[in-house]
Amino acid sequence: MRQSIFAAFPFLRSFATVFPAVALVVASLVSCETNETASMATQAPVPAHGYTNPSDSGGTPAAYQPVDTNGQTAQVPGPTPILFNGFGVDELDEANKPNITAKAAILVDARGRVLFEKNADTRLPCASTQKLLLGILVAERGNLSAPVTITDEDTWAEPTKMGIKAGQVYTRAELLHAVLVRSSNDIANALGRDHSGSIPAFVANMNQKARSLGMYDSHFTNAHGLPSPPGQYSTARDLAKLGAAALRNPTVRRSVGTKSTIFRFSDGTTKTCNNTNQVLRHFPYCTGLKTGYTNAAGRCLVSSATANGRSVIAVILGSTSPTVWEESEALLKYGLKM
């Protein structure tokens, strides 16, 4: 399997040589982490979907079980900037290029080529898509079985909240999985504080990590993506780099590809959490990643998909609903030659 991947994506061979410990992680990037059992290469054509507000989860979700039973995550790449090395539109059908009405967008493939872009370097608010950075930092720290005691300050986040309360105790793994599936702002606060000791310290770590990934046109001021404190921004190009980094981490990759899960509160009650990414729920080739919404940012989405030996990441910023889902799927299909 690994040999065929490196033959298809030559640039990954040198990456795996530099970081041999993550060769297996790289090899896994072209597999779809959904509940689909059929091979991507043999699945029937995907019908058009009307993106509304699905209320069903497509089956009974299972309670989350941490991937790392020893409290550790797999080794991940060091702080090497992610670069995009040119354009690949010559391989695609220009006549079928999607019409993107969002403020900004980009589409890149697994070889780091830009297949489509619109205002990709324009600095815009990105809302909760930045939680991918939160996920990477927490997962890379490891020890995911460690307990996190919720504080009163953690709960000061609106409007999307899980409803955790001060004094409750959860593992990092439980909180990380929940925040990447359901995007709960109170959990983002708890994980950021737990990671760095305080939210200001975590913000400093976020910005440092972003620079290490080559996200030079991004700045963050909190753990969750809400517009306070002000001054947060990113670009479609930077978020594509963030999406690529998120897919490298097996813990993050598993969570962002989960359609539905069950969160168990400390008192034993449970809540079913459907993934906020409707493309993941409707488009079987989709493998993740992360949604975002505020009044200032509009609808935002970093999405990924794999089919027939091709893997792509699409970013949409400043869109509306349901347009964000439709245009994100259109970009993914364009990159996958569907």
C-alpha atoms as a PDB file:
ATOM      1  CA  MET A   1       0.000   0.000   0.000  1.00  0.00           C
ATOM      2  CA  ARG A   2       2.735   2.448   0.962  1.00  0.00           C
ATOM      3  CA  GLN A   3       4.680   1.862  -2.259  1.00  0.00           C
ATOM      4  CA  SER A   4       1.680   2.741  -4.403  1.00  0.00           C
ATOM      5  CA  ILE A   5       1.084   5.925  -2.401  1.00  0.00           C
ATOM      6  CA  PHE A   6       4.644   7.164  -2.835  1.00  0.00           C
ATOM      7  CA  ALA A   7       4.519   6.342  -6.526  1.00  0.00           C
ATOM      8  CA  ALA A   8       1.387   8.426  -6.914  1.00  0.00           C
ATOM      9  CA  PHE A   9       2.646  11.293  -4.759  1.00  0.00           C
ATOM     10  CA  PRO A  10       6.449  11.589  -5.255  1.00  0.00           C
ATOM     11  CA  PHE A  11       6.872  14.562  -2.914  1.00  0.00           C
ATOM     12  CA  LEU A  12       5.720  12.402  -0.016  1.00  0.00           C
ATOM     13  CA  ARG A  13       8.731  10.079  -0.451  1.00  0.00           C
ATOM     14  CA  SER A  14      11.193  12.774   0.620  1.00  0.00           C
ATOM     15  CA  PHE A  15       8.888  13.791   3.472  1.00  0.00           C
ATOM     16  CA  ALA A  16       8.794  10.223   4.779  1.00  0.00           C
ATOM     17  CA  THR A  17      12.579   9.985   4.441  1.00  0.00           C
ATOM     18  CA  VAL A  18      13.061  13.040   6.632  1.00  0.00           C
ATOM     19  CA  PHE A  19      10.414  11.902   9.100  1.00  0.00           C
ATOM     20  CA  PRO A  20      10.536   8.078   8.981  1.00  0.00           C
ATOM     21  CA  ALA A  21       8.459   7.780  12.126  1.00  0.00           C
ATOM     22  CA  VAL A  22       5.459   9.216  10.321  1.00  0.00           C
ATOM     23  CA  ALA A  23       5.730   7.171   7.128  1.00  0.00           C
ATOM     24  CA  LEU A  24       2.732   5.139   8.208  1.00  0.00           C
ATOM     25  CA  VAL A  25       0.778   8.306   8.985  1.00  0.00           C
ATOM     26  CA  VAL A  26       1.511   9.655   5.499  1.00  0.00           C
ATOM     27  CA  ALA A  27       0.446   6.342   4.001  1.00  0.00           C
ATOM     28  CA  SER A  28      -2.923   6.586   5.711  1.00  0.00           C
ATOM     29  CA  LEU A  29      -3.823   9.970   4.259  1.00  0.00           C
ATOM     30  CA  VAL A  30      -5.367   8.515   1.121  1.00  0.00           C
ATOM     31  CA  SER A  31      -7.828   6.313   2.999  1.00  0.00           C
ATOM     32  CA  CYS A  32     -11.304   7.575   3.883  1.00  0.00           C
ATOM     33  CA  GLU A  33     -12.020   7.568   7.606  1.00  0.00           C
ATOM     34  CA  THR A  34     -15.772   7.351   7.402  1.00  0.00           C
ATOM     35  CA  ASN A  35     -18.210   4.577   8.182  1.00  0.00           C
ATOM     36  CA  GLU A  36     -18.301   3.584   4.511  1.00  0.00           C
ATOM     37  CA  THR A  37     -17.174  -0.010   3.953  1.00  0.00           C
ATOM     38  CA  ALA A  38     -16.990  -0.036   0.166  1.00  0.00           C
ATOM     39  CA  SER A  39     -13.792   0.851  -1.655  1.00  0.00           C
ATOM     40  CA  MET A  40     -13.661   4.456  -2.784  1.00  0.00           C
ATOM     41  CA  ALA A  41     -12.631   3.329  -6.245  1.00  0.00           C
ATOM     42  CA  THR A  42     -15.788   1.255  -6.717  1.00  0.00           C
ATOM     43  CA  GLN A  43     -18.477   3.345  -5.076  1.00  0.00           C
ATOM     44  CA  ALA A  44     -21.437   4.360  -7.180  1.00  0.00           C
ATOM     45  CA  PRO A  45     -21.703   7.988  -8.303  1.00  0.00           C
ATOM     46  CA  VAL A  46     -22.756  10.287  -5.503  1.00  0.00           C
ATOM     47  CA  PRO A  47     -26.227  11.793  -6.004  1.00  0.00           C
ATOM     48  CA  ALA A  48     -26.793  15.502  -5.593  1.00  0.00           C
ATOM     49  CA  HIS A  49     -27.773  16.492  -2.067  1.00  0.00           C
ATOM     50  CA  GLY A  50     -29.821  19.347  -0.764  1.00  0.00           C
ATOM     51  CA  TYR A  51     -27.963  20.679   2.260  1.00  0.00           C
ATOM     52  CA  THR A  52     -30.460  21.538   4.969  1.00  0.00           C
ATOM     53  CA  ASN A  53     -30.278  20.785   8.683  1.00  0.00           C
ATOM     54  CA  PRO A  54     -30.098  16.989   9.043  1.00  0.00           C
ATOM     55  CA  SER A  55     -31.550  15.754  12.307  1.00  0.00           C
ATOM     56  CA  ASP A  56     -30.539  12.124  12.029  1.00  0.00           C
ATOM     57  CA  SER A  57     -27.003  10.815  12.568  1.00  0.00           C
ATOM     58  CA  GLY A  58     -27.117   8.058   9.979  1.00  0.00           C
ATOM     59  CA  GLY A  59     -27.128   5.362  12.660  1.00  0.00           C
ATOM     60  CA  THR A  60     -26.605   5.022  16.365  1.00  0.00           C
ATOM     61  CA  PRO A  61     -23.349   6.735  17.362  1.00  0.00           C
ATOM     62  CA  ALA A  62     -20.949   5.000  19.685  1.00  0.00           C
ATOM     63  CA  ALA A  63     -19.462   6.420  22.841  1.00  0.00           C
ATOM     64  CA  TYR A  64     -15.943   7.664  22.223  1.00  0.00           C
ATOM     65  CA  GLN A  65     -13.059   5.380  23.093  1.00  0.00           C
ATOM     66  CA  PRO A  66      -9.596   7.019  23.061  1.00  0.00           C
ATOM     67  CA  VAL A  67      -7.239   5.810  20.355  1.00  0.00           C
ATOM     68  CA  ASP A  68      -4.181   5.904  22.587  1.00  0.00           C
ATOM     69  CA  THR A  69      -4.659   3.525  25.486  1.00  0.00           C
ATOM     70  CA  ASN A  70      -1.203   4.358  26.831  1.00  0.00           C
ATOM     71  CA  GLY A  71      -1.911   8.064  27.025  1.00  0.00           C
ATOM     72  CA  GLN A  72       0.281   8.881  24.011  1.00  0.00           C
ATOM     73  CA  THR A  73      -0.277   9.813  20.389  1.00  0.00           C
ATOM     74  CA  ALA A  74       1.720   8.725  17.379  1.00  0.00           C
ATOM     75  CA  GLN A  75       4.801  10.772  16.592  1.00  0.00           C
ATOM     76  CA  VAL A  76       4.014  13.692  14.310  1.00  0.00           C
ATOM     77  CA  PRO A  77       6.156  15.872  12.056  1.00  0.00           C
ATOM     78  CA  GLY A  78       8.253  18.621  13.553  1.00  0.00           C
ATOM     79  CA  PRO A  79       7.761  22.337  12.828  1.00  0.00           C
ATOM     80  CA  THR A  80       8.377  22.204   9.094  1.00  0.00           C
ATOM     81  CA  PRO A  81       6.458  24.828   7.082  1.00  0.00           C
ATOM     82  CA  ILE A  82       3.940  23.413   4.630  1.00  0.00           C
ATOM     83  CA  LEU A  83       4.513  24.686   1.117  1.00  0.00           C
ATOM     84  CA  PHE A  84       2.387  24.575  -2.010  1.00  0.00           C
ATOM     85  CA  ASN A  85       4.575  24.017  -5.041  1.00  0.00           C
ATOM     86  CA  GLY A  86       2.684  25.393  -7.988  1.00  0.00           C
ATOM     87  CA  PHE A  87      -0.496  24.844  -9.945  1.00  0.00           C
ATOM     88  CA  GLY A  88      -2.128  21.708 -11.292  1.00  0.00           C
ATOM     89  CA  VAL A  89      -5.133  23.065 -13.133  1.00  0.00           C
ATOM     90  CA  ASP A  90      -3.764  21.711 -16.434  1.00  0.00           C
ATOM     91  CA  GLU A  91      -4.880  18.240 -15.333  1.00  0.00           C
ATOM     92  CA  LEU A  92      -8.446  19.331 -14.652  1.00  0.00           C
ATOM     93  CA  ASP A  93     -11.380  20.193 -16.860  1.00  0.00           C
ATOM     94  CA  GLU A  94     -11.416  23.982 -16.961  1.00  0.00           C
ATOM     95  CA  ALA A  95     -14.911  23.923 -18.423  1.00  0.00           C
ATOM     96  CA  ASN A  96     -16.215  22.366 -15.214  1.00  0.00           C
ATOM     97  CA  LYS A  97     -14.438  24.698 -12.819  1.00  0.00           C
ATOM     98  CA  PRO A  98     -16.900  25.459  -9.997  1.00  0.00           C
ATOM     99  CA  ASN A  99     -18.344  28.928  -9.558  1.00  0.00           C
ATOM    100  CA  ILE A 100     -17.436  29.990  -6.022  1.00  0.00           C
ATOM    101  CA  THR A 101     -19.400  32.914  -4.584  1.00  0.00           C
ATOM    102  CA  ALA A 102     -17.679  32.879  -1.169  1.00  0.00           C
ATOM    103  CA  LYS A 103     -15.278  35.694  -0.314  1.00  0.00           C
ATOM    104  CA  ALA A 104     -12.250  33.410  -0.522  1.00  0.00           C
ATOM    105  CA  ALA A 105     -11.444  29.823  -1.424  1.00  0.00           C
ATOM    106  CA  ILE A 106      -8.633  27.461  -2.300  1.00  0.00           C
ATOM    107  CA  LEU A 107      -8.288  23.843  -3.408  1.00  0.00           C
ATOM    108  CA  VAL A 108      -5.005  21.916  -3.048  1.00  0.00           C
ATOM    109  CA  ASP A 109      -4.074  18.290  -3.657  1.00  0.00           C
ATOM    110  CA  ALA A 110      -1.841  15.834  -1.804  1.00  0.00           C
ATOM    111  CA  ARG A 111       1.149  16.868  -3.902  1.00  0.00           C
ATOM    112  CA  GLY A 112       0.845  20.415  -2.638  1.00  0.00           C
ATOM    113  CA  ARG A 113      -0.446  21.826  -5.913  1.00  0.00           C
ATOM    114  CA  VAL A 114      -3.034  24.603  -6.036  1.00  0.00           C
ATOM    115  CA  LEU A 115      -5.953  23.483  -8.198  1.00  0.00           C
ATOM    116  CA  PHE A 116      -8.219  26.486  -7.616  1.00  0.00           C
ATOM    117  CA  GLU A 117      -8.012  29.742  -5.723  1.00  0.00           C
ATOM    118  CA  LYS A 118     -10.005  32.899  -5.161  1.00  0.00           C
ATOM    119  CA  ASN A 119      -8.669  35.669  -2.910  1.00  0.00           C
ATOM    120  CA  ALA A 120      -6.648  32.931  -1.204  1.00  0.00           C
ATOM    121  CA  ASP A 121      -4.316  35.397   0.538  1.00  0.00           C
ATOM    122  CA  THR A 122      -6.984  37.818   1.752  1.00  0.00           C
ATOM    123  CA  ARG A 123      -7.016  38.040   5.553  1.00  0.00           C
ATOM    124  CA  LEU A 124     -10.476  37.178   6.870  1.00  0.00           C
ATOM    125  CA  PRO A 125     -12.022  35.960  10.136  1.00  0.00           C
ATOM    126  CA  CYS A 126     -12.071  32.163  10.166  1.00  0.00           C
ATOM    127  CA  ALA A 127     -14.248  31.380  13.229  1.00  0.00           C
ATOM    128  CA  SER A 128     -14.038  27.824  14.575  1.00  0.00           C
ATOM    129  CA  THR A 129     -11.926  26.439  11.731  1.00  0.00           C
ATOM    130  CA  GLN A 130      -9.003  27.490  13.936  1.00  0.00           C
ATOM    131  CA  LYS A 131      -9.965  24.679  16.334  1.00  0.00           C
ATOM    132  CA  LEU A 132      -7.906  22.437  14.053  1.00  0.00           C
ATOM    133  CA  LEU A 133      -4.891  24.223  15.524  1.00  0.00           C
ATOM    134  CA  LEU A 134      -6.227  23.572  19.020  1.00  0.00           C
ATOM    135  CA  GLY A 135      -6.591  19.909  18.130  1.00  0.00           C
ATOM    136  CA  ILE A 136      -3.047  19.621  16.816  1.00  0.00           C
ATOM    137  CA  LEU A 137      -1.525  21.242  19.906  1.00  0.00           C
ATOM    138  CA  VAL A 138      -3.472  19.076  22.333  1.00  0.00           C
ATOM    139  CA  ALA A 139      -2.847  15.858  20.408  1.00  0.00           C
ATOM    140  CA  GLU A 140       0.853  16.544  20.013  1.00  0.00           C
ATOM    141  CA  ARG A 141       1.209  17.125  23.730  1.00  0.00           C
ATOM    142  CA  GLY A 142      -0.018  13.569  24.291  1.00  0.00           C
ATOM    143  CA  ASN A 143      -0.994  11.979  27.612  1.00  0.00           C
ATOM    144  CA  LEU A 144      -4.589  12.102  26.429  1.00  0.00           C
ATOM    145  CA  SER A 145      -5.784   9.929  29.297  1.00  0.00           C
ATOM    146  CA  ALA A 146      -4.856  12.705  31.762  1.00  0.00           C
ATOM    147  CA  PRO A 147      -7.779  14.253  33.684  1.00  0.00           C
ATOM    148  CA  VAL A 148      -8.983  17.809  33.061  1.00  0.00           C
ATOM    149  CA  THR A 149     -10.971  19.487  35.843  1.00  0.00           C
ATOM    150  CA  ILE A 150     -13.394  22.066  34.469  1.00  0.00           C
ATOM    151  CA  THR A 151     -13.225  25.568  35.955  1.00  0.00           C
ATOM    152  CA  ASP A 152     -15.920  28.219  36.031  1.00  0.00           C
ATOM    153  CA  GLU A 153     -13.962  30.343  33.531  1.00  0.00           C
ATOM    154  CA  ASP A 154     -13.992  27.489  31.016  1.00  0.00           C
ATOM    155  CA  THR A 155     -17.760  27.762  30.746  1.00  0.00           C
ATOM    156  CA  TRP A 156     -17.736  31.446  29.819  1.00  0.00           C
ATOM    157  CA  ALA A 157     -18.206  30.926  26.097  1.00  0.00           C
ATOM    158  CA  GLU A 158     -21.246  31.402  23.888  1.00  0.00           C
ATOM    159  CA  PRO A 159     -23.154  30.419  21.882  1.00  0.00           C
ATOM    160  CA  THR A 160     -22.099  26.832  21.068  1.00  0.00           C
ATOM    161  CA  LYS A 161     -21.531  24.988  24.328  1.00  0.00           C
ATOM    162  CA  MET A 162     -21.477  21.361  25.418  1.00  0.00           C
ATOM    163  CA  GLY A 163     -22.730  22.317  28.881  1.00  0.00           C
ATOM    164  CA  ILE A 164     -19.805  21.126  30.975  1.00  0.00           C
ATOM    165  CA  LYS A 165     -19.754  22.527  34.516  1.00  0.00           C
ATOM    166  CA  ALA A 166     -17.122  23.635  36.989  1.00  0.00           C
ATOM    167  CA  GLY A 167     -15.753  20.781  39.065  1.00  0.00           C
ATOM    168  CA  GLN A 168     -16.500  18.082  36.492  1.00  0.00           C
ATOM    169  CA  VAL A 169     -13.583  15.926  35.374  1.00  0.00           C
ATOM    170  CA  TYR A 170     -12.969  14.496  31.892  1.00  0.00           C
ATOM    171  CA  THR A 171      -9.985  13.076  30.052  1.00  0.00           C
ATOM    172  CA  ARG A 172      -8.198  15.152  27.443  1.00  0.00           C
ATOM    173  CA  ALA A 173      -9.167  12.525  24.865  1.00  0.00           C
ATOM    174  CA  GLU A 174     -12.883  12.876  25.610  1.00  0.00           C
ATOM    175  CA  LEU A 175     -12.749  16.659  25.374  1.00  0.00           C
ATOM    176  CA  LEU A 176     -10.567  16.717  22.269  1.00  0.00           C
ATOM    177  CA  HIS A 177     -12.826  14.345  20.367  1.00  0.00           C
ATOM    178  CA  ALA A 178     -15.935  16.313  21.339  1.00  0.00           C
ATOM    179  CA  VAL A 179     -14.554  19.717  20.373  1.00  0.00           C
ATOM    180  CA  LEU A 180     -13.460  18.519  16.924  1.00  0.00           C
ATOM    181  CA  VAL A 181     -16.806  16.849  16.221  1.00  0.00           C
ATOM    182  CA  ARG A 182     -19.216  19.376  17.716  1.00  0.00           C
ATOM    183  CA  SER A 183     -17.078  22.550  18.037  1.00  0.00           C
ATOM    184  CA  SER A 184     -18.059  23.366  21.618  1.00  0.00           C
ATOM    185  CA  ASN A 185     -16.491  26.627  22.785  1.00  0.00           C
ATOM    186  CA  ASP A 186     -16.537  25.771  26.487  1.00  0.00           C
ATOM    187  CA  ILE A 187     -14.502  22.636  25.788  1.00  0.00           C
ATOM    188  CA  ALA A 188     -12.057  24.655  23.663  1.00  0.00           C
ATOM    189  CA  ASN A 189     -11.473  26.940  26.647  1.00  0.00           C
ATOM    190  CA  ALA A 190     -10.883  23.986  28.956  1.00  0.00           C
ATOM    191  CA  LEU A 191      -8.397  22.331  26.602  1.00  0.00           C
ATOM    192  CA  GLY A 192      -6.503  25.557  25.957  1.00  0.00           C
ATOM    193  CA  ARG A 193      -6.165  26.332  29.635  1.00  0.00           C
ATOM    194  CA  ASP A 194      -5.156  22.760  30.422  1.00  0.00           C
ATOM    195  CA  HIS A 195      -2.536  22.776  27.674  1.00  0.00           C
ATOM    196  CA  SER A 196      -0.703  25.982  28.585  1.00  0.00           C
ATOM    197  CA  GLY A 197      -1.897  26.985  32.042  1.00  0.00           C
ATOM    198  CA  SER A 198      -3.922  29.954  30.808  1.00  0.00           C
ATOM    199  CA  ILE A 199      -5.700  31.110  27.673  1.00  0.00           C
ATOM    200  CA  PRO A 200      -3.183  33.925  26.969  1.00  0.00           C
ATOM    201  CA  ALA A 201      -0.341  31.393  27.163  1.00  0.00           C
ATOM    202  CA  PHE A 202      -2.230  29.020  24.895  1.00  0.00           C
ATOM    203  CA  VAL A 203      -2.823  31.797  22.366  1.00  0.00           C
ATOM    204  CA  ALA A 204       0.933  32.412  22.288  1.00  0.00           C
ATOM    205  CA  ASN A 205       1.478  28.716  21.603  1.00  0.00           C
ATOM    206  CA  MET A 206      -1.175  28.769  18.872  1.00  0.00           C
ATOM    207  CA  ASN A 207       0.505  31.616  17.045  1.00  0.00           C
ATOM    208  CA  GLN A 208       3.929  30.035  17.402  1.00  0.00           C
ATOM    209  CA  LYS A 209       2.635  26.732  16.015  1.00  0.00           C
ATOM    210  CA  ALA A 210       0.911  28.530  13.155  1.00  0.00           C
ATOM    211  CA  ARG A 211       4.193  30.184  12.145  1.00  0.00           C
ATOM    212  CA  SER A 212       5.975  26.830  12.286  1.00  0.00           C
ATOM    213  CA  LEU A 213       3.441  25.469   9.787  1.00  0.00           C
ATOM    214  CA  GLY A 214       4.040  28.372   7.413  1.00  0.00           C
ATOM    215  CA  MET A 215       0.824  30.190   8.330  1.00  0.00           C
ATOM    216  CA  TYR A 216       2.372  33.640   8.039  1.00  0.00           C
ATOM    217  CA  ASP A 217      -0.914  35.482   7.381  1.00  0.00           C
ATOM    218  CA  SER A 218      -2.771  34.277  10.470  1.00  0.00           C
ATOM    219  CA  HIS A 219      -3.224  35.591  13.992  1.00  0.00           C
ATOM    220  CA  PHE A 220      -5.300  34.185  16.846  1.00  0.00           C
ATOM    221  CA  THR A 221      -6.491  35.725  20.099  1.00  0.00           C
ATOM    222  CA  ASN A 222      -8.428  32.896  21.775  1.00  0.00           C
ATOM    223  CA  ALA A 223      -8.879  29.118  21.743  1.00  0.00           C
ATOM    224  CA  HIS A 224     -12.301  28.899  20.083  1.00  0.00           C
ATOM    225  CA  GLY A 225     -12.584  31.404  17.216  1.00  0.00           C
ATOM    226  CA  LEU A 226     -15.182  33.853  18.544  1.00  0.00           C
ATOM    227  CA  PRO A 227     -14.493  37.502  17.657  1.00  0.00           C
ATOM    228  CA  SER A 228     -13.472  38.565  21.183  1.00  0.00           C
ATOM    229  CA  PRO A 229     -10.766  39.578  21.833  1.00  0.00           C
ATOM    230  CA  PRO A 230     -10.669  41.181  18.379  1.00  0.00           C
ATOM    231  CA  GLY A 231      -7.861  40.845  15.857  1.00  0.00           C
ATOM    232  CA  GLN A 232      -8.228  37.234  14.727  1.00  0.00           C
ATOM    233  CA  TYR A 233      -7.722  36.423  11.052  1.00  0.00           C
ATOM    234  CA  SER A 234      -6.380  33.869   8.632  1.00  0.00           C
ATOM    235  CA  THR A 235      -6.436  33.170   4.903  1.00  0.00           C
ATOM    236  CA  ALA A 236      -7.737  30.358   2.754  1.00  0.00           C
ATOM    237  CA  ARG A 237      -4.149  29.406   1.878  1.00  0.00           C
ATOM    238  CA  ASP A 238      -3.058  29.311   5.517  1.00  0.00           C
ATOM    239  CA  LEU A 239      -6.075  27.233   6.506  1.00  0.00           C
ATOM    240  CA  ALA A 240      -5.286  24.736   3.751  1.00  0.00           C
ATOM    241  CA  LYS A 241      -1.876  24.330   5.384  1.00  0.00           C
ATOM    242  CA  LEU A 242      -3.589  23.874   8.740  1.00  0.00           C
ATOM    243  CA  GLY A 243      -5.871  21.245   7.225  1.00  0.00           C
ATOM    244  CA  ALA A 244      -2.894  19.354   5.825  1.00  0.00           C
ATOM    245  CA  ALA A 245      -1.194  19.431   9.226  1.00  0.00           C
ATOM    246  CA  ALA A 246      -4.360  18.193  10.927  1.00  0.00           C
ATOM    247  CA  LEU A 247      -4.578  15.206   8.581  1.00  0.00           C
ATOM    248  CA  ARG A 248      -1.023  14.230   9.490  1.00  0.00           C
ATOM    249  CA  ASN A 249      -2.027  13.647  13.088  1.00  0.00           C
ATOM    250  CA  PRO A 250      -3.863  10.316  13.529  1.00  0.00           C
ATOM    251  CA  THR A 251      -5.778  11.446  16.619  1.00  0.00           C
ATOM    252  CA  VAL A 252      -7.048  14.646  15.004  1.00  0.00           C
ATOM    253  CA  ARG A 253      -7.715  12.903  11.699  1.00  0.00           C
ATOM    254  CA  ARG A 254      -9.916  10.298  13.375  1.00  0.00           C
ATOM    255  CA  SER A 255     -12.012  12.900  15.187  1.00  0.00           C
ATOM    256  CA  VAL A 256     -12.574  15.280  12.263  1.00  0.00           C
ATOM    257  CA  GLY A 257     -13.740  12.293  10.205  1.00  0.00           C
ATOM    258  CA  THR A 258     -16.310  11.177  12.788  1.00  0.00           C
ATOM    259  CA  LYS A 259     -19.898  11.804  11.725  1.00  0.00           C
ATOM    260  CA  SER A 260     -21.506  11.379  15.129  1.00  0.00           C
ATOM    261  CA  THR A 261     -20.463  10.536  18.663  1.00  0.00           C
ATOM    262  CA  ILE A 262     -21.834  10.358  22.193  1.00  0.00           C
ATOM    263  CA  PHE A 263     -20.470  12.637  24.907  1.00  0.00           C
ATOM    264  CA  ARG A 264     -20.834  11.270  28.421  1.00  0.00           C
ATOM    265  CA  PHE A 265     -21.072  13.847  31.205  1.00  0.00           C
ATOM    266  CA  SER A 266     -19.561  13.291  34.638  1.00  0.00           C
ATOM    267  CA  ASP A 267     -23.013  12.624  36.111  1.00  0.00           C
ATOM    268  CA  GLY A 268     -23.611   9.769  33.666  1.00  0.00           C
ATOM    269  CA  THR A 269     -25.989  11.578  31.317  1.00  0.00           C
ATOM    270  CA  THR A 270     -25.140  11.580  27.623  1.00  0.00           C
ATOM    271  CA  LYS A 271     -25.535  13.851  24.613  1.00  0.00           C
ATOM    272  CA  THR A 272     -25.508  12.799  20.974  1.00  0.00           C
ATOM    273  CA  CYS A 273     -23.194  15.089  18.996  1.00  0.00           C
ATOM    274  CA  ASN A 274     -23.536  15.204  15.230  1.00  0.00           C
ATOM    275  CA  ASN A 275     -20.603  16.598  13.296  1.00  0.00           C
ATOM    276  CA  THR A 276     -21.186  20.192  12.239  1.00  0.00           C
ATOM    277  CA  ASN A 277     -19.661  19.432   8.804  1.00  0.00           C
ATOM    278  CA  GLN A 278     -22.612  18.618   6.565  1.00  0.00           C
ATOM    279  CA  VAL A 279     -20.347  17.718   3.643  1.00  0.00           C
ATOM    280  CA  LEU A 280     -18.919  14.905   5.764  1.00  0.00           C
ATOM    281  CA  ARG A 281     -22.461  13.712   6.451  1.00  0.00           C
ATOM    282  CA  HIS A 282     -23.660  13.841   2.834  1.00  0.00           C
ATOM    283  CA  PHE A 283     -20.626  13.220   0.620  1.00  0.00           C
ATOM    284  CA  PRO A 284     -19.136   9.736   1.250  1.00  0.00           C
ATOM    285  CA  TYR A 285     -15.709  10.620  -0.130  1.00  0.00           C
ATOM    286  CA  CYS A 286     -15.302  13.408   2.440  1.00  0.00           C
ATOM    287  CA  THR A 287     -12.818  12.682   5.260  1.00  0.00           C
ATOM    288  CA  GLY A 288     -13.216  15.874   7.398  1.00  0.00           C
ATOM    289  CA  LEU A 289     -12.331  18.570   8.541  1.00  0.00           C
ATOM    290  CA  LYS A 290     -13.773  21.622  10.381  1.00  0.00           C
ATOM    291  CA  THR A 291     -16.564  24.173  10.191  1.00  0.00           C
ATOM    292  CA  GLY A 292     -16.740  27.734  11.467  1.00  0.00           C
ATOM    293  CA  TYR A 293     -19.401  30.412  11.810  1.00  0.00           C
ATOM    294  CA  THR A 294     -19.752  33.872  13.319  1.00  0.00           C
ATOM    295  CA  ASN A 295     -21.626  36.926  12.077  1.00  0.00           C
ATOM    296  CA  ALA A 296     -18.306  38.505  11.097  1.00  0.00           C
ATOM    297  CA  ALA A 297     -16.833  35.424   9.419  1.00  0.00           C
ATOM    298  CA  GLY A 298     -19.942  34.013   7.783  1.00  0.00           C
ATOM    299  CA  ARG A 299     -19.923  30.311   6.980  1.00  0.00           C
ATOM    300  CA  CYS A 300     -16.430  28.843   6.786  1.00  0.00           C
ATOM    301  CA  LEU A 301     -15.296  25.303   6.071  1.00  0.00           C
ATOM    302  CA  VAL A 302     -12.037  23.414   5.713  1.00  0.00           C
ATOM    303  CA  SER A 303     -12.920  20.109   4.040  1.00  0.00           C
ATOM    304  CA  SER A 304     -11.013  17.133   2.685  1.00  0.00           C
ATOM    305  CA  ALA A 305     -11.792  14.153   0.481  1.00  0.00           C
ATOM    306  CA  THR A 306     -10.127  11.077  -1.008  1.00  0.00           C
ATOM    307  CA  ALA A 307     -11.124   8.912  -3.968  1.00  0.00           C
ATOM    308  CA  ASN A 308      -9.405   6.884  -6.667  1.00  0.00           C
ATOM    309  CA  GLY A 309      -5.895   7.624  -5.429  1.00  0.00           C
ATOM    310  CA  ARG A 310      -6.452  11.378  -5.191  1.00  0.00           C
ATOM    311  CA  SER A 311      -6.663  13.467  -2.004  1.00  0.00           C
ATOM    312  CA  VAL A 312      -7.659  17.135  -1.827  1.00  0.00           C
ATOM    313  CA  ILE A 313      -8.315  19.880   0.715  1.00  0.00           C
ATOM    314  CA  ALA A 314     -10.781  22.714   0.060  1.00  0.00           C
ATOM    315  CA  VAL A 315     -11.215  25.897   2.072  1.00  0.00           C
ATOM    316  CA  ILE A 316     -14.213  28.232   1.880  1.00  0.00           C
ATOM    317  CA  LEU A 317     -14.321  31.538   3.807  1.00  0.00           C
ATOM    318  CA  GLY A 318     -17.090  34.109   4.025  1.00  0.00           C
ATOM    319  CA  SER A 319     -19.959  32.078   2.619  1.00  0.00           C
ATOM    320  CA  THR A 320     -23.595  31.498   3.536  1.00  0.00           C
ATOM    321  CA  SER A 321     -25.674  28.410   4.285  1.00  0.00           C
ATOM    322  CA  PRO A 322     -26.384  26.194   2.385  1.00  0.00           C
ATOM    323  CA  THR A 323     -23.995  27.634  -0.199  1.00  0.00           C
ATOM    324  CA  VAL A 324     -20.911  26.760   1.863  1.00  0.00           C
ATOM    325  CA  TRP A 325     -21.785  23.052   1.766  1.00  0.00           C
ATOM    326  CA  GLU A 326     -22.656  23.043  -1.916  1.00  0.00           C
ATOM    327  CA  GLU A 327     -19.572  24.967  -3.012  1.00  0.00           C
ATOM    328  CA  SER A 328     -17.249  22.960  -0.772  1.00  0.00           C
ATOM    329  CA  GLU A 329     -18.546  19.716  -2.257  1.00  0.00           C
ATOM    330  CA  ALA A 330     -18.211  21.177  -5.752  1.00  0.00           C
ATOM    331  CA  LEU A 331     -14.551  22.019  -5.090  1.00  0.00           C
ATOM    332  CA  LEU A 332     -13.849  18.559  -3.702  1.00  0.00           C
ATOM    333  CA  LYS A 333     -15.480  16.896  -6.709  1.00  0.00           C
ATOM    334  CA  TYR A 334     -13.520  19.127  -9.069  1.00  0.00           C
ATOM    335  CA  GLY A 335     -10.242  18.149  -7.435  1.00  0.00           C
ATOM    336  CA  LEU A 336     -11.198  14.465  -7.466  1.00  0.00           C
ATOM    337  CA  LYS A 337     -12.191  14.656 -11.163  1.00  0.00           C
ATOM    338  CA  MET A 338     -15.803  13.689 -10.498  1.00  0.00           C
END
